[in-house]
mmCIF file of all heavy atoms, coordinates in Angstrom:
data_MODEL
# 
_entry.id   MODEL 
# 
loop_
_atom_site.group_PDB 
_atom_site.id 
_atom_site.type_symbol 
_atom_site.label_atom_id 
_atom_site.label_alt_id 
_atom_site.label_comp_id 
_atom_site.label_asym_id 
_atom_site.label_entity_id 
_atom_site.label_seq_id 
_atom_site.pdbx_PDB_ins_code 
_atom_site.Cartn_x 
_atom_site.Cartn_y 
_atom_site.Cartn_z 
_atom_site.occupancy 
_atom_site.B_iso_or_equiv 
_atom_site.pdbx_formal_charge 
_atom_site.auth_seq_id 
_atom_site.auth_comp_id 
_atom_site.auth_asym_id 
_atom_site.auth_atom_id 
_atom_site.pdbx_PDB_model_num 
ATOM 1   N N   . TYR A 1 1  ? -23.139 200.329 -41.368 1.00 0.00 ? 1  TYR A N   1 
ATOM 2   C CA  . TYR A 1 1  ? -23.108 199.327 -40.297 1.00 0.00 ? 1  TYR A CA  1 
ATOM 3   C C   . TYR A 1 1  ? -24.088 198.220 -40.635 1.00 0.00 ? 1  TYR A C   1 
ATOM 4   O O   . TYR A 1 1  ? -24.892 198.324 -41.575 1.00 0.00 ? 1  TYR A O   1 
ATOM 5   C CB  . TYR A 1 1  ? -23.401 199.940 -38.923 1.00 0.00 ? 1  TYR A CB  1 
ATOM 6   C CG  . TYR A 1 1  ? -24.827 200.372 -38.660 1.00 0.00 ? 1  TYR A CG  1 
ATOM 7   C CD1 . TYR A 1 1  ? -25.704 199.558 -37.943 1.00 0.00 ? 1  TYR A CD1 1 
ATOM 8   C CD2 . TYR A 1 1  ? -25.289 201.606 -39.089 1.00 0.00 ? 1  TYR A CD2 1 
ATOM 9   C CE1 . TYR A 1 1  ? -27.003 199.960 -37.669 1.00 0.00 ? 1  TYR A CE1 1 
ATOM 10  C CE2 . TYR A 1 1  ? -26.584 202.022 -38.829 1.00 0.00 ? 1  TYR A CE2 1 
ATOM 11  C CZ  . TYR A 1 1  ? -27.440 201.186 -38.127 1.00 0.00 ? 1  TYR A CZ  1 
ATOM 12  O OH  . TYR A 1 1  ? -28.728 201.585 -37.860 1.00 0.00 ? 1  TYR A OH  1 
ATOM 13  N N   . ALA A 1 2  ? -23.997 197.120 -39.875 1.00 0.00 ? 2  ALA A N   1 
ATOM 14  C CA  . ALA A 1 2  ? -24.911 195.996 -40.051 1.00 0.00 ? 2  ALA A CA  1 
ATOM 15  C C   . ALA A 1 2  ? -25.457 195.582 -38.688 1.00 0.00 ? 2  ALA A C   1 
ATOM 16  O O   . ALA A 1 2  ? -24.769 195.697 -37.670 1.00 0.00 ? 2  ALA A O   1 
ATOM 17  C CB  . ALA A 1 2  ? -24.208 194.825 -40.717 1.00 0.00 ? 2  ALA A CB  1 
ATOM 18  N N   . GLU A 1 3  ? -26.698 195.107 -38.688 1.00 0.00 ? 3  GLU A N   1 
ATOM 19  C CA  . GLU A 1 3  ? -27.362 194.692 -37.453 1.00 0.00 ? 3  GLU A CA  1 
ATOM 20  C C   . GLU A 1 3  ? -27.891 193.270 -37.609 1.00 0.00 ? 3  GLU A C   1 
ATOM 21  O O   . GLU A 1 3  ? -28.485 192.930 -38.630 1.00 0.00 ? 3  GLU A O   1 
ATOM 22  C CB  . GLU A 1 3  ? -28.520 195.644 -37.147 1.00 0.00 ? 3  GLU A CB  1 
ATOM 23  C CG  . GLU A 1 3  ? -29.286 195.315 -35.888 1.00 0.00 ? 3  GLU A CG  1 
ATOM 24  C CD  . GLU A 1 3  ? -30.425 196.279 -35.623 1.00 0.00 ? 3  GLU A CD  1 
ATOM 25  O OE1 . GLU A 1 3  ? -30.679 197.168 -36.481 1.00 0.00 ? 3  GLU A OE1 1 
ATOM 26  O OE2 . GLU A 1 3  ? -31.075 196.154 -34.561 1.00 0.00 ? 3  GLU A OE2 1 
ATOM 27  N N   . ALA A 1 4  ? -27.661 192.444 -36.603 1.00 0.00 ? 4  ALA A N   1 
ATOM 28  C CA  . ALA A 1 4  ? -28.103 191.049 -36.652 1.00 0.00 ? 4  ALA A CA  1 
ATOM 29  C C   . ALA A 1 4  ? -29.534 190.904 -36.167 1.00 0.00 ? 4  ALA A C   1 
ATOM 30  O O   . ALA A 1 4  ? -29.957 191.552 -35.209 1.00 0.00 ? 4  ALA A O   1 
ATOM 31  C CB  . ALA A 1 4  ? -27.187 190.189 -35.794 1.00 0.00 ? 4  ALA A CB  1 
ATOM 32  N N   . PHE A 1 5  ? -30.274 190.015 -36.853 1.00 0.00 ? 5  PHE A N   1 
ATOM 33  C CA  . PHE A 1 5  ? -31.585 189.573 -36.396 1.00 0.00 ? 5  PHE A CA  1 
ATOM 34  C C   . PHE A 1 5  ? -31.523 188.057 -36.226 1.00 0.00 ? 5  PHE A C   1 
ATOM 35  O O   . PHE A 1 5  ? -30.430 187.497 -36.145 1.00 0.00 ? 5  PHE A O   1 
ATOM 36  C CB  . PHE A 1 5  ? -32.669 190.037 -37.365 1.00 0.00 ? 5  PHE A CB  1 
ATOM 37  C CG  . PHE A 1 5  ? -32.837 191.536 -37.361 1.00 0.00 ? 5  PHE A CG  1 
ATOM 38  C CD1 . PHE A 1 5  ? -32.184 192.335 -38.300 1.00 0.00 ? 5  PHE A CD1 1 
ATOM 39  C CD2 . PHE A 1 5  ? -33.602 192.156 -36.391 1.00 0.00 ? 5  PHE A CD2 1 
ATOM 40  C CE1 . PHE A 1 5  ? -32.313 193.717 -38.272 1.00 0.00 ? 5  PHE A CE1 1 
ATOM 41  C CE2 . PHE A 1 5  ? -33.739 193.547 -36.360 1.00 0.00 ? 5  PHE A CE2 1 
ATOM 42  C CZ  . PHE A 1 5  ? -33.084 194.325 -37.303 1.00 0.00 ? 5  PHE A CZ  1 
ATOM 43  N N   . SER A 1 6  ? -32.611 187.368 -36.184 1.00 0.00 ? 6  SER A N   1 
ATOM 44  C CA  . SER A 1 6  ? -32.578 185.938 -35.856 1.00 0.00 ? 6  SER A CA  1 
ATOM 45  C C   . SER A 1 6  ? -31.778 185.120 -36.879 1.00 0.00 ? 6  SER A C   1 
ATOM 46  O O   . SER A 1 6  ? -30.836 184.424 -36.522 1.00 0.00 ? 6  SER A O   1 
ATOM 47  C CB  . SER A 1 6  ? -33.996 185.387 -35.718 1.00 0.00 ? 6  SER A CB  1 
ATOM 48  O OG  . SER A 1 6  ? -34.752 185.647 -36.884 1.00 0.00 ? 6  SER A OG  1 
ATOM 49  N N   . HIS A 1 7  ? -32.155 185.204 -38.156 1.00 0.00 ? 7  HIS A N   1 
ATOM 50  C CA  . HIS A 1 7  ? -31.449 184.436 -39.185 1.00 0.00 ? 7  HIS A CA  1 
ATOM 51  C C   . HIS A 1 7  ? -30.988 185.326 -40.331 1.00 0.00 ? 7  HIS A C   1 
ATOM 52  O O   . HIS A 1 7  ? -30.592 184.824 -41.381 1.00 0.00 ? 7  HIS A O   1 
ATOM 53  C CB  . HIS A 1 7  ? -32.346 183.318 -39.737 1.00 0.00 ? 7  HIS A CB  1 
ATOM 54  C CG  . HIS A 1 7  ? -32.768 182.335 -38.683 1.00 0.00 ? 7  HIS A CG  1 
ATOM 55  N ND1 . HIS A 1 7  ? -31.877 181.477 -38.082 1.00 0.00 ? 7  HIS A ND1 1 
ATOM 56  C CD2 . HIS A 1 7  ? -33.976 182.099 -38.107 1.00 0.00 ? 7  HIS A CD2 1 
ATOM 57  C CE1 . HIS A 1 7  ? -32.516 180.733 -37.186 1.00 0.00 ? 7  HIS A CE1 1 
ATOM 58  N NE2 . HIS A 1 7  ? -33.794 181.105 -37.175 1.00 0.00 ? 7  HIS A NE2 1 
ATOM 59  N N   . THR A 1 8  ? -31.070 186.619 -40.162 1.00 0.00 ? 8  THR A N   1 
ATOM 60  C CA  . THR A 1 8  ? -30.684 187.557 -41.218 1.00 0.00 ? 8  THR A CA  1 
ATOM 61  C C   . THR A 1 8  ? -29.902 188.715 -40.607 1.00 0.00 ? 8  THR A C   1 
ATOM 62  O O   . THR A 1 8  ? -29.772 188.826 -39.390 1.00 0.00 ? 8  THR A O   1 
ATOM 63  C CB  . THR A 1 8  ? -31.922 188.124 -41.944 1.00 0.00 ? 8  THR A CB  1 
ATOM 64  O OG1 . THR A 1 8  ? -32.711 188.865 -41.005 1.00 0.00 ? 8  THR A OG1 1 
ATOM 65  C CG2 . THR A 1 8  ? -32.759 187.020 -42.563 1.00 0.00 ? 8  THR A CG2 1 
ATOM 66  N N   . ALA A 1 9  ? -29.380 189.550 -41.478 1.00 0.00 ? 9  ALA A N   1 
ATOM 67  C CA  . ALA A 1 9  ? -28.719 190.785 -41.044 1.00 0.00 ? 9  ALA A CA  1 
ATOM 68  C C   . ALA A 1 9  ? -29.251 191.930 -41.894 1.00 0.00 ? 9  ALA A C   1 
ATOM 69  O O   . ALA A 1 9  ? -29.565 191.752 -43.076 1.00 0.00 ? 9  ALA A O   1 
ATOM 70  C CB  . ALA A 1 9  ? -27.201 190.671 -41.190 1.00 0.00 ? 9  ALA A CB  1 
ATOM 71  N N   . ALA A 1 10 ? -29.382 193.093 -41.296 1.00 0.00 ? 10 ALA A N   1 
ATOM 72  C CA  . ALA A 1 10 ? -29.772 194.296 -42.029 1.00 0.00 ? 10 ALA A CA  1 
ATOM 73  C C   . ALA A 1 10 ? -28.526 195.122 -42.297 1.00 0.00 ? 10 ALA A C   1 
ATOM 74  O O   . ALA A 1 10 ? -27.728 195.369 -41.387 1.00 0.00 ? 10 ALA A O   1 
ATOM 75  C CB  . ALA A 1 10 ? -30.788 195.111 -41.236 1.00 0.00 ? 10 ALA A CB  1 
ATOM 76  N N   . LEU A 1 11 ? -28.340 195.520 -43.550 1.00 0.00 ? 11 LEU A N   1 
ATOM 77  C CA  . LEU A 1 11 ? -27.241 196.406 -43.933 1.00 0.00 ? 11 LEU A CA  1 
ATOM 78  C C   . LEU A 1 11 ? -27.795 197.818 -44.047 1.00 0.00 ? 11 LEU A C   1 
ATOM 79  O O   . LEU A 1 11 ? -28.808 198.037 -44.719 1.00 0.00 ? 11 LEU A O   1 
ATOM 80  C CB  . LEU A 1 11 ? -26.646 195.983 -45.277 1.00 0.00 ? 11 LEU A CB  1 
ATOM 81  C CG  . LEU A 1 11 ? -26.095 194.562 -45.398 1.00 0.00 ? 11 LEU A CG  1 
ATOM 82  C CD1 . LEU A 1 11 ? -25.617 194.320 -46.814 1.00 0.00 ? 11 LEU A CD1 1 
ATOM 83  C CD2 . LEU A 1 11 ? -24.971 194.343 -44.414 1.00 0.00 ? 11 LEU A CD2 1 
ATOM 84  N N   . TYR A 1 12 ? -27.123 198.768 -43.423 1.00 0.00 ? 12 TYR A N   1 
ATOM 85  C CA  . TYR A 1 12 ? -27.533 200.165 -43.519 1.00 0.00 ? 12 TYR A CA  1 
ATOM 86  C C   . TYR A 1 12 ? -26.525 200.889 -44.393 1.00 0.00 ? 12 TYR A C   1 
ATOM 87  O O   . TYR A 1 12 ? -25.323 200.937 -44.088 1.00 0.00 ? 12 TYR A O   1 
ATOM 88  C CB  . TYR A 1 12 ? -27.637 200.775 -42.124 1.00 0.00 ? 12 TYR A CB  1 
ATOM 89  C CG  . TYR A 1 12 ? -28.738 200.126 -41.319 1.00 0.00 ? 12 TYR A CG  1 
ATOM 90  C CD1 . TYR A 1 12 ? -28.499 199.003 -40.533 1.00 0.00 ? 12 TYR A CD1 1 
ATOM 91  C CD2 . TYR A 1 12 ? -30.049 200.610 -41.390 1.00 0.00 ? 12 TYR A CD2 1 
ATOM 92  C CE1 . TYR A 1 12 ? -29.517 198.383 -39.828 1.00 0.00 ? 12 TYR A CE1 1 
ATOM 93  C CE2 . TYR A 1 12 ? -31.077 199.993 -40.689 1.00 0.00 ? 12 TYR A CE2 1 
ATOM 94  C CZ  . TYR A 1 12 ? -30.808 198.889 -39.910 1.00 0.00 ? 12 TYR A CZ  1 
ATOM 95  O OH  . TYR A 1 12 ? -31.831 198.269 -39.217 1.00 0.00 ? 12 TYR A OH  1 
ATOM 96  N N   . LEU A 1 13 ? -27.021 201.441 -45.490 1.00 0.00 ? 13 LEU A N   1 
ATOM 97  C CA  . LEU A 1 13 ? -26.171 202.013 -46.536 1.00 0.00 ? 13 LEU A CA  1 
ATOM 98  C C   . LEU A 1 13 ? -26.274 203.530 -46.569 1.00 0.00 ? 13 LEU A C   1 
ATOM 99  O O   . LEU A 1 13 ? -27.275 204.106 -46.164 1.00 0.00 ? 13 LEU A O   1 
ATOM 100 C CB  . LEU A 1 13 ? -26.577 201.455 -47.906 1.00 0.00 ? 13 LEU A CB  1 
ATOM 101 C CG  . LEU A 1 13 ? -26.769 199.948 -48.022 1.00 0.00 ? 13 LEU A CG  1 
ATOM 102 C CD1 . LEU A 1 13 ? -27.215 199.588 -49.427 1.00 0.00 ? 13 LEU A CD1 1 
ATOM 103 C CD2 . LEU A 1 13 ? -25.494 199.204 -47.665 1.00 0.00 ? 13 LEU A CD2 1 
ATOM 104 N N   . THR A 1 14 ? -25.237 204.155 -47.100 1.00 0.00 ? 14 THR A N   1 
ATOM 105 C CA  . THR A 1 14 ? -25.253 205.607 -47.274 1.00 0.00 ? 14 THR A CA  1 
ATOM 106 C C   . THR A 1 14 ? -26.451 206.001 -48.140 1.00 0.00 ? 14 THR A C   1 
ATOM 107 O O   . THR A 1 14 ? -26.872 205.244 -49.013 1.00 0.00 ? 14 THR A O   1 
ATOM 108 C CB  . THR A 1 14 ? -23.961 206.099 -47.944 1.00 0.00 ? 14 THR A CB  1 
ATOM 109 O OG1 . THR A 1 14 ? -23.791 205.414 -49.193 1.00 0.00 ? 14 THR A OG1 1 
ATOM 110 C CG2 . THR A 1 14 ? -22.760 205.850 -47.054 1.00 0.00 ? 14 THR A CG2 1 
ATOM 111 N N   . PRO A 1 15 ? -27.015 207.190 -47.923 1.00 0.00 ? 15 PRO A N   1 
ATOM 112 C CA  . PRO A 1 15 ? -28.185 207.617 -48.708 1.00 0.00 ? 15 PRO A CA  1 
ATOM 113 C C   . PRO A 1 15 ? -27.865 207.699 -50.194 1.00 0.00 ? 15 PRO A C   1 
ATOM 114 O O   . PRO A 1 15 ? -26.738 208.004 -50.595 1.00 0.00 ? 15 PRO A O   1 
ATOM 115 C CB  . PRO A 1 15 ? -28.495 209.004 -48.136 1.00 0.00 ? 15 PRO A CB  1 
ATOM 116 C CG  . PRO A 1 15 ? -27.843 209.036 -46.799 1.00 0.00 ? 15 PRO A CG  1 
ATOM 117 C CD  . PRO A 1 15 ? -26.627 208.172 -46.902 1.00 0.00 ? 15 PRO A CD  1 
ATOM 118 N N   . GLU A 1 16 ? -28.864 207.413 -51.001 1.00 0.00 ? 16 GLU A N   1 
ATOM 119 C CA  . GLU A 1 16 ? -28.677 207.500 -52.448 1.00 0.00 ? 16 GLU A CA  1 
ATOM 120 C C   . GLU A 1 16 ? -28.695 208.942 -52.933 1.00 0.00 ? 16 GLU A C   1 
ATOM 121 O O   . GLU A 1 16 ? -28.129 209.263 -53.975 1.00 0.00 ? 16 GLU A O   1 
ATOM 122 C CB  . GLU A 1 16 ? -29.750 206.672 -53.150 1.00 0.00 ? 16 GLU A CB  1 
ATOM 123 C CG  . GLU A 1 16 ? -29.623 205.176 -52.857 1.00 0.00 ? 16 GLU A CG  1 
ATOM 124 C CD  . GLU A 1 16 ? -30.667 204.349 -53.559 1.00 0.00 ? 16 GLU A CD  1 
ATOM 125 O OE1 . GLU A 1 16 ? -31.586 204.946 -54.184 1.00 0.00 ? 16 GLU A OE1 1 
ATOM 126 O OE2 . GLU A 1 16 ? -30.580 203.105 -53.493 1.00 0.00 ? 16 GLU A OE2 1 
ATOM 127 N N   . LYS A 1 17 ? -29.344 209.833 -52.169 1.00 0.00 ? 17 LYS A N   1 
ATOM 128 C CA  . LYS A 1 17 ? -29.398 211.248 -52.529 1.00 0.00 ? 17 LYS A CA  1 
ATOM 129 C C   . LYS A 1 17 ? -29.099 212.097 -51.300 1.00 0.00 ? 17 LYS A C   1 
ATOM 130 O O   . LYS A 1 17 ? -29.388 211.687 -50.171 1.00 0.00 ? 17 LYS A O   1 
ATOM 131 C CB  . LYS A 1 17 ? -30.771 211.622 -53.093 1.00 0.00 ? 17 LYS A CB  1 
ATOM 132 C CG  . LYS A 1 17 ? -31.113 210.933 -54.406 1.00 0.00 ? 17 LYS A CG  1 
ATOM 133 C CD  . LYS A 1 17 ? -32.495 211.354 -54.895 1.00 0.00 ? 17 LYS A CD  1 
ATOM 134 C CE  . LYS A 1 17 ? -32.864 210.659 -56.197 1.00 0.00 ? 17 LYS A CE  1 
ATOM 135 N NZ  . LYS A 1 17 ? -34.227 211.052 -56.647 1.00 0.00 ? 17 LYS A NZ  1 
ATOM 136 N N   . ALA A 1 18 ? -28.544 213.279 -51.528 1.00 0.00 ? 18 ALA A N   1 
ATOM 137 C CA  . ALA A 1 18 ? -28.239 214.188 -50.420 1.00 0.00 ? 18 ALA A CA  1 
ATOM 138 C C   . ALA A 1 18 ? -29.509 214.535 -49.662 1.00 0.00 ? 18 ALA A C   1 
ATOM 139 O O   . ALA A 1 18 ? -30.576 214.756 -50.253 1.00 0.00 ? 18 ALA A O   1 
ATOM 140 C CB  . ALA A 1 18 ? -27.582 215.459 -50.957 1.00 0.00 ? 18 ALA A CB  1 
ATOM 141 N N   . GLY A 1 19 ? -29.400 214.568 -48.335 1.00 0.00 ? 19 GLY A N   1 
ATOM 142 C CA  . GLY A 1 19 ? -30.529 214.927 -47.500 1.00 0.00 ? 19 GLY A CA  1 
ATOM 143 C C   . GLY A 1 19 ? -31.404 213.764 -47.098 1.00 0.00 ? 19 GLY A C   1 
ATOM 144 O O   . GLY A 1 19 ? -32.273 213.912 -46.228 1.00 0.00 ? 19 GLY A O   1 
ATOM 145 N N   . GLU A 1 20 ? -31.200 212.604 -47.690 1.00 0.00 ? 20 GLU A N   1 
ATOM 146 C CA  . GLU A 1 20 ? -31.994 211.443 -47.321 1.00 0.00 ? 20 GLU A CA  1 
ATOM 147 C C   . GLU A 1 20 ? -31.345 210.713 -46.153 1.00 0.00 ? 20 GLU A C   1 
ATOM 148 O O   . GLU A 1 20 ? -30.178 210.936 -45.825 1.00 0.00 ? 20 GLU A O   1 
ATOM 149 C CB  . GLU A 1 20 ? -32.135 210.498 -48.524 1.00 0.00 ? 20 GLU A CB  1 
ATOM 150 C CG  . GLU A 1 20 ? -32.952 211.073 -49.668 1.00 0.00 ? 20 GLU A CG  1 
ATOM 151 C CD  . GLU A 1 20 ? -33.131 210.085 -50.805 1.00 0.00 ? 20 GLU A CD  1 
ATOM 152 O OE1 . GLU A 1 20 ? -32.454 209.033 -50.792 1.00 0.00 ? 20 GLU A OE1 1 
ATOM 153 O OE2 . GLU A 1 20 ? -33.958 210.359 -51.697 1.00 0.00 ? 20 GLU A OE2 1 
ATOM 154 N N   . SER A 1 21 ? -32.092 209.817 -45.521 1.00 0.00 ? 21 SER A N   1 
ATOM 155 C CA  . SER A 1 21 ? -31.555 209.023 -44.419 1.00 0.00 ? 21 SER A CA  1 
ATOM 156 C C   . SER A 1 21 ? -30.960 207.723 -44.955 1.00 0.00 ? 21 SER A C   1 
ATOM 157 O O   . SER A 1 21 ? -31.066 207.412 -46.145 1.00 0.00 ? 21 SER A O   1 
ATOM 158 C CB  . SER A 1 21 ? -32.664 208.731 -43.409 1.00 0.00 ? 21 SER A CB  1 
ATOM 159 O OG  . SER A 1 21 ? -33.742 208.067 -44.038 1.00 0.00 ? 21 SER A OG  1 
ATOM 160 N N   . LEU A 1 22 ? -30.337 206.963 -44.050 1.00 0.00 ? 22 LEU A N   1 
ATOM 161 C CA  . LEU A 1 22 ? -29.753 205.688 -44.447 1.00 0.00 ? 22 LEU A CA  1 
ATOM 162 C C   . LEU A 1 22 ? -30.815 204.764 -45.029 1.00 0.00 ? 22 LEU A C   1 
ATOM 163 O O   . LEU A 1 22 ? -31.949 204.728 -44.562 1.00 0.00 ? 22 LEU A O   1 
ATOM 164 C CB  . LEU A 1 22 ? -29.112 205.001 -43.235 1.00 0.00 ? 22 LEU A CB  1 
ATOM 165 C CG  . LEU A 1 22 ? -27.907 205.690 -42.588 1.00 0.00 ? 22 LEU A CG  1 
ATOM 166 C CD1 . LEU A 1 22 ? -27.470 204.897 -41.371 1.00 0.00 ? 22 LEU A CD1 1 
ATOM 167 C CD2 . LEU A 1 22 ? -26.762 205.822 -43.575 1.00 0.00 ? 22 LEU A CD2 1 
ATOM 168 N N   . CYS A 1 23 ? -30.440 204.026 -46.064 1.00 0.00 ? 23 CYS A N   1 
ATOM 169 C CA  . CYS A 1 23 ? -31.352 203.020 -46.602 1.00 0.00 ? 23 CYS A CA  1 
ATOM 170 C C   . CYS A 1 23 ? -30.866 201.642 -46.154 1.00 0.00 ? 23 CYS A C   1 
ATOM 171 O O   . CYS A 1 23 ? -29.713 201.484 -45.753 1.00 0.00 ? 23 CYS A O   1 
ATOM 172 C CB  . CYS A 1 23 ? -31.438 203.111 -48.125 1.00 0.00 ? 23 CYS A CB  1 
ATOM 173 S SG  . CYS A 1 23 ? -29.853 203.096 -48.984 1.00 0.00 ? 23 CYS A SG  1 
ATOM 174 N N   . SER A 1 24 ? -31.729 200.654 -46.185 1.00 0.00 ? 24 SER A N   1 
ATOM 175 C CA  . SER A 1 24 ? -31.367 199.343 -45.656 1.00 0.00 ? 24 SER A CA  1 
ATOM 176 C C   . SER A 1 24 ? -31.631 198.246 -46.682 1.00 0.00 ? 24 SER A C   1 
ATOM 177 O O   . SER A 1 24 ? -32.468 198.392 -47.577 1.00 0.00 ? 24 SER A O   1 
ATOM 178 C CB  . SER A 1 24 ? -32.133 199.046 -44.367 1.00 0.00 ? 24 SER A CB  1 
ATOM 179 O OG  . SER A 1 24 ? -33.512 198.953 -44.621 1.00 0.00 ? 24 SER A OG  1 
ATOM 180 N N   . ARG A 1 25 ? -30.873 197.146 -46.518 1.00 0.00 ? 25 ARG A N   1 
ATOM 181 C CA  . ARG A 1 25 ? -31.051 195.948 -47.324 1.00 0.00 ? 25 ARG A CA  1 
ATOM 182 C C   . ARG A 1 25 ? -30.996 194.737 -46.396 1.00 0.00 ? 25 ARG A C   1 
ATOM 183 O O   . ARG A 1 25 ? -30.243 194.733 -45.429 1.00 0.00 ? 25 ARG A O   1 
ATOM 184 C CB  . ARG A 1 25 ? -29.943 195.804 -48.380 1.00 0.00 ? 25 ARG A CB  1 
ATOM 185 C CG  . ARG A 1 25 ? -29.869 196.912 -49.396 1.00 0.00 ? 25 ARG A CG  1 
ATOM 186 C CD  . ARG A 1 25 ? -31.029 196.862 -50.377 1.00 0.00 ? 25 ARG A CD  1 
ATOM 187 N NE  . ARG A 1 25 ? -30.818 197.777 -51.475 1.00 0.00 ? 25 ARG A NE  1 
ATOM 188 C CZ  . ARG A 1 25 ? -31.094 199.082 -51.436 1.00 0.00 ? 25 ARG A CZ  1 
ATOM 189 N NH1 . ARG A 1 25 ? -31.603 199.619 -50.323 1.00 0.00 ? 25 ARG A NH1 1 
ATOM 190 N NH2 . ARG A 1 25 ? -30.873 199.855 -52.471 1.00 0.00 ? 25 ARG A NH2 1 
# 
């Protein structure tokens, strides 16, 4: 999913390894 902020958006990505939480860009 993606979340909006003032002038940017955060992308939440699937974990890179099993057992980890979502990572963001």
